Amino acid sequence: MKYSDKAEFDKANSFGLGNPNDAFAQYFDGNSYLNPLTEFGKAPLFLANVTFDPGTRNHWHVHHADKGGGQILICTAGEV
């Protein structure tokens, strides 16, 4: 769903904005924000919410699953 109002988007973004995703900035044109939902290394699966500023583009990349990793993407708000 496309949101034209930030307040409406923030209501739909149920996992929260998080902090600037500076560690992975090389993978984006624009700003992204990372909100960890589990503590890295403490759970069998790391979960995080990533939020993007309008117009941000992702440089697609591989998340290797050779050790049970990989990546699952679930769009919860905004537009793909």
PDB file of N, CA and C in Angstrom:
ATOM      1  N   MET A   1       0.838  -1.164   0.000  1.00  0.00           N
ATOM      2  CA  MET A   1       0.000   0.000   0.000  1.00  0.00           C
ATOM      3  C   MET A   1       0.891   1.238   0.000  1.00  0.00           C
ATOM      4  N   LYS A   2       0.528   2.208  -0.792  1.00  0.00           N
ATOM      5  CA  LYS A   2       1.290   3.447  -0.878  1.00  0.00           C
ATOM      6  C   LYS A   2       0.740   4.446   0.140  1.00  0.00           C
ATOM      7  N   TYR A   3       1.641   5.090   0.890  1.00  0.00           N
ATOM      8  CA  TYR A   3       1.257   6.087   1.881  1.00  0.00           C
ATOM      9  C   TYR A   3       1.794   7.446   1.447  1.00  0.00           C
ATOM     10  N   SER A   4       0.955   8.455   1.462  1.00  0.00           N
ATOM     11  CA  SER A   4       1.408   9.799   1.116  1.00  0.00           C
ATOM     12  C   SER A   4       1.666  10.636   2.369  1.00  0.00           C
ATOM     13  N   ASP A   5       1.340  10.092   3.521  1.00  0.00           N
ATOM     14  CA  ASP A   5       1.488  10.805   4.784  1.00  0.00           C
ATOM     15  C   ASP A   5       2.352   9.979   5.737  1.00  0.00           C
ATOM     16  N   LYS A   6       3.428  10.592   6.268  1.00  0.00           N
ATOM     17  CA  LYS A   6       4.349   9.849   7.141  1.00  0.00           C
ATOM     18  C   LYS A   6       3.663   9.336   8.403  1.00  0.00           C
ATOM     19  N   ALA A   7       2.746  10.089   8.958  1.00  0.00           N
ATOM     20  CA  ALA A   7       2.050   9.649  10.173  1.00  0.00           C
ATOM     21  C   ALA A   7       1.254   8.370   9.901  1.00  0.00           C
ATOM     22  N   GLU A   8       0.624   8.278   8.752  1.00  0.00           N
ATOM     23  CA  GLU A   8      -0.119   7.059   8.395  1.00  0.00           C
ATOM     24  C   GLU A   8       0.829   5.885   8.189  1.00  0.00           C
ATOM     25  N   PHE A   9       1.971   6.140   7.536  1.00  0.00           N
ATOM     26  CA  PHE A   9       2.957   5.081   7.350  1.00  0.00           C
ATOM     27  C   PHE A   9       3.475   4.597   8.702  1.00  0.00           C
ATOM     28  N   ASP A  10       3.792   5.532   9.606  1.00  0.00           N
ATOM     29  CA  ASP A  10       4.306   5.164  10.927  1.00  0.00           C
ATOM     30  C   ASP A  10       3.311   4.293  11.686  1.00  0.00           C
ATOM     31  N   LYS A  11       2.017   4.559  11.527  1.00  0.00           N
ATOM     32  CA  LYS A  11       0.998   3.715  12.170  1.00  0.00           C
ATOM     33  C   LYS A  11       1.017   2.310  11.586  1.00  0.00           C
ATOM     34  N   ALA A  12       1.219   2.192  10.285  1.00  0.00           N
ATOM     35  CA  ALA A  12       1.221   0.888   9.616  1.00  0.00           C
ATOM     36  C   ALA A  12       2.520   0.120   9.859  1.00  0.00           C
ATOM     37  N   ASN A  13       3.603   0.827  10.145  1.00  0.00           N
ATOM     38  CA  ASN A  13       4.916   0.219  10.361  1.00  0.00           C
ATOM     39  C   ASN A  13       4.971  -0.307  11.800  1.00  0.00           C
ATOM     40  N   SER A  14       4.279  -1.396  12.039  1.00  0.00           N
ATOM     41  CA  SER A  14       4.041  -1.893  13.397  1.00  0.00           C
ATOM     42  C   SER A  14       5.311  -2.319  14.151  1.00  0.00           C
ATOM     43  N   PHE A  15       6.418  -2.569  13.464  1.00  0.00           N
ATOM     44  CA  PHE A  15       7.644  -2.991  14.141  1.00  0.00           C
ATOM     45  C   PHE A  15       8.561  -1.828  14.494  1.00  0.00           C
ATOM     46  N   GLY A  16       8.243  -0.625  14.066  1.00  0.00           N
ATOM     47  CA  GLY A  16       9.015   0.554  14.431  1.00  0.00           C
ATOM     48  C   GLY A  16      10.158   0.871  13.487  1.00  0.00           C
ATOM     49  N   LEU A  17      10.589   2.124  13.533  1.00  0.00           N
ATOM     50  CA  LEU A  17      11.595   2.631  12.594  1.00  0.00           C
ATOM     51  C   LEU A  17      12.998   2.113  12.878  1.00  0.00           C
ATOM     52  N   GLY A  18      13.462   2.135  14.089  1.00  0.00           N
ATOM     53  CA  GLY A  18      14.824   1.716  14.395  1.00  0.00           C
ATOM     54  C   GLY A  18      15.823   2.833  14.190  1.00  0.00           C
ATOM     55  N   ASN A  19      17.096   2.471  14.149  1.00  0.00           N
ATOM     56  CA  ASN A  19      18.200   3.429  14.019  1.00  0.00           C
ATOM     57  C   ASN A  19      18.733   3.433  12.588  1.00  0.00           C
ATOM     58  N   PRO A  20      19.428   4.515  12.193  1.00  0.00           N
ATOM     59  CA  PRO A  20      20.033   4.534  10.854  1.00  0.00           C
ATOM     60  C   PRO A  20      20.852   3.268  10.608  1.00  0.00           C
ATOM     61  N   ASN A  21      20.684   2.688   9.447  1.00  0.00           N
ATOM     62  CA  ASN A  21      21.300   1.415   9.079  1.00  0.00           C
ATOM     63  C   ASN A  21      22.665   1.668   8.435  1.00  0.00           C
ATOM     64  N   ASP A  22      23.527   2.398   9.138  1.00  0.00           N
ATOM     65  CA  ASP A  22      24.818   2.818   8.584  1.00  0.00           C
ATOM     66  C   ASP A  22      25.723   1.657   8.213  1.00  0.00           C
ATOM     67  N   ALA A  23      25.684   0.565   8.959  1.00  0.00           N
ATOM     68  CA  ALA A  23      26.572  -0.574   8.694  1.00  0.00           C
ATOM     69  C   ALA A  23      26.306  -1.203   7.325  1.00  0.00           C
ATOM     70  N   PHE A  24      25.093  -1.041   6.804  1.00  0.00           N
ATOM     71  CA  PHE A  24      24.739  -1.641   5.522  1.00  0.00           C
ATOM     72  C   PHE A  24      24.390  -0.585   4.467  1.00  0.00           C
ATOM     73  N   ALA A  25      24.815   0.651   4.691  1.00  0.00           N
ATOM     74  CA  ALA A  25      24.487   1.756   3.785  1.00  0.00           C
ATOM     75  C   ALA A  25      24.957   1.500   2.351  1.00  0.00           C
ATOM     76  N   GLN A  26      26.011   0.716   2.195  1.00  0.00           N
ATOM     77  CA  GLN A  26      26.531   0.443   0.841  1.00  0.00           C
ATOM     78  C   GLN A  26      25.523  -0.284  -0.030  1.00  0.00           C
ATOM     79  N   TYR A  27      24.515  -0.905   0.565  1.00  0.00           N
ATOM     80  CA  TYR A  27      23.528  -1.657  -0.195  1.00  0.00           C
ATOM     81  C   TYR A  27      22.306  -0.838  -0.592  1.00  0.00           C
ATOM     82  N   PHE A  28      22.303   0.453  -0.275  1.00  0.00           N
ATOM     83  CA  PHE A  28      21.132   1.282  -0.537  1.00  0.00           C
ATOM     84  C   PHE A  28      21.513   2.622  -1.144  1.00  0.00           C
ATOM     85  N   ASP A  29      20.676   3.122  -2.052  1.00  0.00           N
ATOM     86  CA  ASP A  29      20.719   4.512  -2.495  1.00  0.00           C
ATOM     87  C   ASP A  29      19.621   5.204  -1.718  1.00  0.00           C
ATOM     88  N   GLY A  30      19.978   5.916  -0.676  1.00  0.00           N
ATOM     89  CA  GLY A  30      19.009   6.545   0.208  1.00  0.00           C
ATOM     90  C   GLY A  30      19.186   6.003   1.610  1.00  0.00           C
ATOM     91  N   ASN A  31      18.321   6.417   2.506  1.00  0.00           N
ATOM     92  CA  ASN A  31      18.434   6.048   3.912  1.00  0.00           C
ATOM     93  C   ASN A  31      17.587   4.835   4.256  1.00  0.00           C
ATOM     94  N   SER A  32      18.171   3.958   5.063  1.00  0.00           N
ATOM     95  CA  SER A  32      17.419   2.828   5.609  1.00  0.00           C
ATOM     96  C   SER A  32      17.641   2.806   7.115  1.00  0.00           C
ATOM     97  N   TYR A  33      16.735   2.144   7.816  1.00  0.00           N
ATOM     98  CA  TYR A  33      16.756   2.094   9.277  1.00  0.00           C
ATOM     99  C   TYR A  33      16.567   0.649   9.714  1.00  0.00           C
ATOM    100  N   LEU A  34      17.325   0.231  10.720  1.00  0.00           N
ATOM    101  CA  LEU A  34      17.302  -1.153  11.171  1.00  0.00           C
ATOM    102  C   LEU A  34      16.792  -1.213  12.606  1.00  0.00           C
ATOM    103  N   ASN A  35      15.764  -2.019  12.815  1.00  0.00           N
ATOM    104  CA  ASN A  35      15.209  -2.237  14.150  1.00  0.00           C
ATOM    105  C   ASN A  35      15.260  -3.728  14.448  1.00  0.00           C
ATOM    106  N   PRO A  36      16.313  -4.197  15.161  1.00  0.00           N
ATOM    107  CA  PRO A  36      16.399  -5.621  15.499  1.00  0.00           C
ATOM    108  C   PRO A  36      15.216  -6.047  16.365  1.00  0.00           C
ATOM    109  N   LEU A  37      14.625  -7.173  16.037  1.00  0.00           N
ATOM    110  CA  LEU A  37      13.514  -7.718  16.814  1.00  0.00           C
ATOM    111  C   LEU A  37      13.963  -8.866  17.699  1.00  0.00           C
ATOM    112  N   THR A  38      15.146  -9.415  17.406  1.00  0.00           N
ATOM    113  CA  THR A  38      15.793 -10.410  18.269  1.00  0.00           C
ATOM    114  C   THR A  38      17.245  -9.977  18.426  1.00  0.00           C
ATOM    115  N   GLU A  39      17.900 -10.467  19.464  1.00  0.00           N
ATOM    116  CA  GLU A  39      19.304 -10.139  19.684  1.00  0.00           C
ATOM    117  C   GLU A  39      20.171 -11.060  18.833  1.00  0.00           C
ATOM    118  N   PHE A  40      21.031 -10.457  17.998  1.00  0.00           N
ATOM    119  CA  PHE A  40      21.863 -11.226  17.089  1.00  0.00           C
ATOM    120  C   PHE A  40      22.685 -12.258  17.864  1.00  0.00           C
ATOM    121  N   GLY A  41      22.653 -13.516  17.429  1.00  0.00           N
ATOM    122  CA  GLY A  41      23.425 -14.589  18.047  1.00  0.00           C
ATOM    123  C   GLY A  41      22.763 -15.226  19.258  1.00  0.00           C
ATOM    124  N   LYS A  42      21.653 -14.665  19.726  1.00  0.00           N
ATOM    125  CA  LYS A  42      20.986 -15.186  20.919  1.00  0.00           C
ATOM    126  C   LYS A  42      19.745 -16.010  20.575  1.00  0.00           C
ATOM    127  N   ALA A  43      19.314 -15.964  19.346  1.00  0.00           N
ATOM    128  CA  ALA A  43      18.126 -16.700  18.909  1.00  0.00           C
ATOM    129  C   ALA A  43      18.498 -17.522  17.680  1.00  0.00           C
ATOM    130  N   PRO A  44      17.765 -18.603  17.405  1.00  0.00           N
ATOM    131  CA  PRO A  44      18.086 -19.421  16.227  1.00  0.00           C
ATOM    132  C   PRO A  44      17.954 -18.651  14.913  1.00  0.00           C
ATOM    133  N   LEU A  45      17.181 -17.574  14.937  1.00  0.00           N
ATOM    134  CA  LEU A  45      16.942 -16.785  13.731  1.00  0.00           C
ATOM    135  C   LEU A  45      16.988 -15.311  14.097  1.00  0.00           C
ATOM    136  N   PHE A  46      17.798 -14.537  13.383  1.00  0.00           N
ATOM    137  CA  PHE A  46      17.838 -13.095  13.613  1.00  0.00           C
ATOM    138  C   PHE A  46      16.701 -12.459  12.848  1.00  0.00           C
ATOM    139  N   LEU A  47      15.889 -11.668  13.532  1.00  0.00           N
ATOM    140  CA  LEU A  47      14.775 -10.952  12.918  1.00  0.00           C
ATOM    141  C   LEU A  47      15.001  -9.458  13.072  1.00  0.00           C
ATOM    142  N   ALA A  48      14.732  -8.717  12.019  1.00  0.00           N
ATOM    143  CA  ALA A  48      14.864  -7.264  12.082  1.00  0.00           C
ATOM    144  C   ALA A  48      13.867  -6.628  11.132  1.00  0.00           C
ATOM    145  N   ASN A  49      13.438  -5.436  11.476  1.00  0.00           N
ATOM    146  CA  ASN A  49      12.602  -4.631  10.596  1.00  0.00           C
ATOM    147  C   ASN A  49      13.505  -3.607   9.926  1.00  0.00           C
ATOM    148  N   VAL A  50      13.458  -3.544   8.609  1.00  0.00           N
ATOM    149  CA  VAL A  50      14.214  -2.541   7.866  1.00  0.00           C
ATOM    150  C   VAL A  50      13.195  -1.616   7.211  1.00  0.00           C
ATOM    151  N   THR A  51      13.365  -0.316   7.455  1.00  0.00           N
ATOM    152  CA  THR A  51      12.471   0.702   6.903  1.00  0.00           C
ATOM    153  C   THR A  51      13.298   1.596   5.991  1.00  0.00           C
ATOM    154  N   PHE A  52      12.687   2.051   4.903  1.00  0.00           N
ATOM    155  CA  PHE A  52      13.377   2.861   3.907  1.00  0.00           C
ATOM    156  C   PHE A  52      12.707   4.222   3.779  1.00  0.00           C
ATOM    157  N   ASP A  53      13.522   5.271   3.592  1.00  0.00           N
ATOM    158  CA  ASP A  53      12.972   6.572   3.236  1.00  0.00           C
ATOM    159  C   ASP A  53      12.356   6.465   1.844  1.00  0.00           C
ATOM    160  N   PRO A  54      11.357   7.308   1.536  1.00  0.00           N
ATOM    161  CA  PRO A  54      10.787   7.304   0.185  1.00  0.00           C
ATOM    162  C   PRO A  54      11.876   7.470  -0.866  1.00  0.00           C
ATOM    163  N   GLY A  55      11.799   6.678  -1.917  1.00  0.00           N
ATOM    164  CA  GLY A  55      12.750   6.754  -3.017  1.00  0.00           C
ATOM    165  C   GLY A  55      14.021   5.956  -2.827  1.00  0.00           C
ATOM    166  N   THR A  56      14.223   5.371  -1.657  1.00  0.00           N
ATOM    167  CA  THR A  56      15.426   4.569  -1.420  1.00  0.00           C
ATOM    168  C   THR A  56      15.369   3.307  -2.265  1.00  0.00           C
ATOM    169  N   ARG A  57      16.483   2.948  -2.834  1.00  0.00           N
ATOM    170  CA  ARG A  57      16.577   1.743  -3.658  1.00  0.00           C
ATOM    171  C   ARG A  57      17.608   0.806  -3.062  1.00  0.00           C
ATOM    172  N   ASN A  58      17.331  -0.486  -3.169  1.00  0.00           N
ATOM    173  CA  ASN A  58      18.200  -1.532  -2.644  1.00  0.00           C
ATOM    174  C   ASN A  58      19.078  -2.057  -3.767  1.00  0.00           C
ATOM    175  N   HIS A  59      20.375  -2.240  -3.488  1.00  0.00           N
ATOM    176  CA  HIS A  59      21.283  -2.941  -4.400  1.00  0.00           C
ATOM    177  C   HIS A  59      21.180  -4.413  -4.018  1.00  0.00           C
ATOM    178  N   TRP A  60      20.408  -5.182  -4.759  1.00  0.00           N
ATOM    179  CA  TRP A  60      20.163  -6.578  -4.399  1.00  0.00           C
ATOM    180  C   TRP A  60      21.472  -7.328  -4.243  1.00  0.00           C
ATOM    181  N   HIS A  61      21.495  -8.186  -3.266  1.00  0.00           N
ATOM    182  CA  HIS A  61      22.696  -8.939  -2.916  1.00  0.00           C
ATOM    183  C   HIS A  61      22.263 -10.284  -2.343  1.00  0.00           C
ATOM    184  N   VAL A  62      23.226 -11.181  -2.189  1.00  0.00           N
ATOM    185  CA  VAL A  62      22.948 -12.550  -1.761  1.00  0.00           C
ATOM    186  C   VAL A  62      23.152 -12.685  -0.252  1.00  0.00           C
ATOM    187  N   HIS A  63      22.256 -13.405   0.385  1.00  0.00           N
ATOM    188  CA  HIS A  63      22.414 -13.819   1.781  1.00  0.00           C
ATOM    189  C   HIS A  63      22.594 -15.331   1.742  1.00  0.00           C
ATOM    190  N   HIS A  64      23.836 -15.787   1.807  1.00  0.00           N
ATOM    191  CA  HIS A  64      24.130 -17.211   1.683  1.00  0.00           C
ATOM    192  C   HIS A  64      23.519 -18.009   2.834  1.00  0.00           C
ATOM    193  N   ALA A  65      22.978 -19.165   2.509  1.00  0.00           N
ATOM    194  CA  ALA A  65      22.299 -20.007   3.495  1.00  0.00           C
ATOM    195  C   ALA A  65      23.078 -21.283   3.785  1.00  0.00           C
ATOM    196  N   ASP A  66      24.404 -21.259   3.609  1.00  0.00           N
ATOM    197  CA  ASP A  66      25.191 -22.473   3.803  1.00  0.00           C
ATOM    198  C   ASP A  66      25.265 -22.911   5.262  1.00  0.00           C
ATOM    199  N   LYS A  67      24.932 -22.039   6.193  1.00  0.00           N
ATOM    200  CA  LYS A  67      24.945 -22.383   7.618  1.00  0.00           C
ATOM    201  C   LYS A  67      23.579 -22.137   8.244  1.00  0.00           C
ATOM    202  N   GLY A  68      22.526 -22.318   7.468  1.00  0.00           N
ATOM    203  CA  GLY A  68      21.184 -22.106   7.991  1.00  0.00           C
ATOM    204  C   GLY A  68      20.739 -20.664   7.904  1.00  0.00           C
ATOM    205  N   GLY A  69      21.491 -19.824   7.214  1.00  0.00           N
ATOM    206  CA  GLY A  69      21.163 -18.402   7.095  1.00  0.00           C
ATOM    207  C   GLY A  69      20.133 -18.150   6.018  1.00  0.00           C
ATOM    208  N   GLY A  70      20.420 -17.227   5.170  1.00  0.00           N
ATOM    209  CA  GLY A  70      19.480 -16.839   4.130  1.00  0.00           C
ATOM    210  C   GLY A  70      18.724 -15.609   4.553  1.00  0.00           C
ATOM    211  N   GLN A  71      17.650 -15.331   3.843  1.00  0.00           N
ATOM    212  CA  GLN A  71      16.863 -14.146   4.148  1.00  0.00           C
ATOM    213  C   GLN A  71      15.430 -14.375   3.699  1.00  0.00           C
ATOM    214  N   ILE A  72      14.500 -13.904   4.508  1.00  0.00           N
ATOM    215  CA  ILE A  72      13.080 -13.893   4.178  1.00  0.00           C
ATOM    216  C   ILE A  72      12.638 -12.448   4.224  1.00  0.00           C
ATOM    217  N   LEU A  73      12.027 -11.966   3.165  1.00  0.00           N
ATOM    218  CA  LEU A  73      11.541 -10.589   3.119  1.00  0.00           C
ATOM    219  C   LEU A  73      10.028 -10.586   3.226  1.00  0.00           C
ATOM    220  N   ILE A  74       9.503  -9.794   4.154  1.00  0.00           N
ATOM    221  CA  ILE A  74       8.062  -9.634   4.316  1.00  0.00           C
ATOM    222  C   ILE A  74       7.764  -8.153   4.305  1.00  0.00           C
ATOM    223  N   CYS A  75       7.014  -7.697   3.326  1.00  0.00           N
ATOM    224  CA  CYS A  75       6.644  -6.298   3.229  1.00  0.00           C
ATOM    225  C   CYS A  75       5.410  -6.073   4.106  1.00  0.00           C
ATOM    226  N   THR A  76       5.528  -5.216   5.134  1.00  0.00           N
ATOM    227  CA  THR A  76       4.422  -4.979   6.068  1.00  0.00           C
ATOM    228  C   THR A  76       3.765  -3.619   5.857  1.00  0.00           C
ATOM    229  N   ALA A  77       4.430  -2.711   5.172  1.00  0.00           N
ATOM    230  CA  ALA A  77       3.861  -1.403   4.913  1.00  0.00           C
ATOM    231  C   ALA A  77       4.612  -0.773   3.761  1.00  0.00           C
ATOM    232  N   GLY A  78       3.980   0.140   3.077  1.00  0.00           N
ATOM    233  CA  GLY A  78       4.626   0.820   1.978  1.00  0.00           C
ATOM    234  C   GLY A  78       4.324   0.148   0.657  1.00  0.00           C
ATOM    235  N   GLU A  79       5.208   0.359  -0.287  1.00  0.00           N
ATOM    236  CA  GLU A  79       4.990  -0.099  -1.646  1.00  0.00           C
ATOM    237  C   GLU A  79       6.251  -0.767  -2.164  1.00  0.00           C
ATOM    238  N   VAL A  80       6.114  -1.901  -2.803  1.00  0.00           N
ATOM    239  CA  VAL A  80       7.259  -2.640  -3.331  1.00  0.00           C
ATOM    240  C   VAL A  80       7.557  -2.174  -4.729  1.00  0.00           C
TER     241      VAL A  80
END
